[in-house]
Structures are given as structure tokens and as C-alpha cells.
Amino acid sequence: MRKSGSALENLALVSYIGIAMMVPILAGVVGGRWIDERFGTRPVFLFILIFVGIMVGFRNVFAVTTRNLPPRKRR
């Protein structure tokens, strides 16, 4: 069993999780606004890409938090 990491390792992990969650959401906001301005569809693509960004962010957090877990054995 692995020992708990140091305070700096834990801080780095929390920062990484925050960045992994926020970057896709911000990309969705920027991309959605740009597409809406380009095609004149005001909030449509903004909301769609924010939702996609949230889903990608949660997938990133799930991947980061389950990276070091041992695989489950099938019965």
C-alpha cells in the first residue's frame, strides 16, 4: 500500500483536477460565443458547448481520480 503523498503532491493533484475541470468549460464558453457570433445563433451553441465542456471536465476528473486504482476482478 502506498503512503499518502506530501502536502505539495496533494496540492498539485487538487490543482490538476481543478484545471482539468475548468479548461474544457472555458473552451466551451469561448468556442460557443465565437460560433454564435459567427452564425447569429446567439445562445444556442454557447449552451451546447458549455454542456459538452462540463461532461468532458467530469470525464477528466474521473480519469484522474481513478488512474491509480487497481482493476476490479471479475467473479
Protein backbone atom coordinates (compact mmCIF):
# COMPACT_ATOMS: atom_id res chain seq x y z
CA MET A 1 0.00 0.00 0.00
CA ARG A 2 1.29 3.41 -0.94
CA LYS A 3 1.79 6.10 1.68
CA SER A 4 -0.06 9.38 1.42
CA GLY A 5 1.78 11.99 -0.57
CA SER A 6 3.27 15.13 0.83
CA ALA A 7 1.30 18.33 1.11
CA LEU A 8 2.80 19.63 -2.12
CA GLU A 9 1.84 16.46 -4.00
CA ASN A 10 -1.72 16.75 -2.72
CA LEU A 11 -1.85 20.43 -3.66
CA ALA A 12 -0.58 19.60 -7.13
CA LEU A 13 -3.27 16.93 -7.53
CA VAL A 14 -6.04 19.30 -6.43
CA SER A 15 -4.72 21.97 -8.82
CA TYR A 16 -4.57 19.45 -11.66
CA ILE A 17 -8.15 18.36 -11.00
CA GLY A 18 -9.31 21.99 -10.99
CA ILE A 19 -7.54 22.73 -14.25
CA ALA A 20 -8.83 19.50 -15.82
CA MET A 21 -12.37 20.63 -14.95
CA MET A 22 -12.17 24.31 -15.88
CA VAL A 23 -10.28 24.24 -19.20
CA PRO A 24 -12.96 22.32 -21.16
CA ILE A 25 -15.72 24.52 -19.72
CA LEU A 26 -13.87 27.73 -20.62
CA ALA A 27 -13.13 26.34 -24.07
CA GLY A 28 -16.85 25.66 -24.46
CA VAL A 29 -17.71 29.22 -23.46
CA VAL A 30 -15.18 30.77 -25.83
CA GLY A 31 -15.99 28.40 -28.69
CA GLY A 32 -19.73 28.72 -28.19
CA ARG A 33 -19.65 32.51 -28.17
CA TRP A 34 -17.46 32.56 -31.27
CA ILE A 35 -19.74 30.19 -33.22
CA ASP A 36 -22.86 32.08 -32.08
CA GLU A 37 -21.40 35.41 -33.22
CA ARG A 38 -20.26 33.90 -36.50
CA PHE A 39 -23.63 32.37 -37.42
CA GLY A 40 -26.00 34.66 -35.49
CA THR A 41 -27.46 31.90 -33.30
CA ARG A 42 -26.95 33.73 -30.03
CA PRO A 43 -27.16 31.35 -27.06
CA VAL A 44 -27.63 28.02 -28.86
CA PHE A 45 -24.04 26.88 -29.36
CA LEU A 46 -22.92 28.57 -26.16
CA PHE A 47 -25.20 26.34 -24.09
CA ILE A 48 -24.42 23.24 -26.11
CA LEU A 49 -20.66 23.67 -25.82
CA ILE A 50 -20.84 24.58 -22.12
CA PHE A 51 -22.73 21.33 -21.53
CA VAL A 52 -20.16 19.39 -23.58
CA GLY A 53 -17.35 21.11 -21.64
CA ILE A 54 -18.93 20.10 -18.33
CA MET A 55 -19.20 16.48 -19.47
CA VAL A 56 -15.59 16.44 -20.68
CA GLY A 57 -14.47 18.04 -17.42
CA PHE A 58 -16.18 15.37 -15.34
CA ARG A 59 -14.69 12.67 -17.55
CA ASN A 60 -11.23 14.19 -16.99
CA VAL A 61 -11.74 14.29 -13.22
CA PHE A 62 -12.95 10.69 -13.25
CA ALA A 63 -9.89 9.60 -15.25
CA VAL A 64 -7.50 11.43 -12.91
CA THR A 65 -9.08 10.13 -9.72
CA THR A 66 -9.28 6.50 -10.87
CA ARG A 67 -5.85 6.36 -12.51
CA ASN A 68 -4.09 4.55 -9.65
CA LEU A 69 -6.90 2.25 -8.59
CA PRO A 70 -6.33 -1.46 -9.13
CA PRO A 71 -8.57 -3.10 -11.73
CA ARG A 72 -11.59 -4.99 -10.39
CA LYS A 73 -11.50 -8.73 -10.55
CA ARG A 74 -14.41 -10.40 -12.26
CA ARG A 75 -16.19 -13.17 -10.42
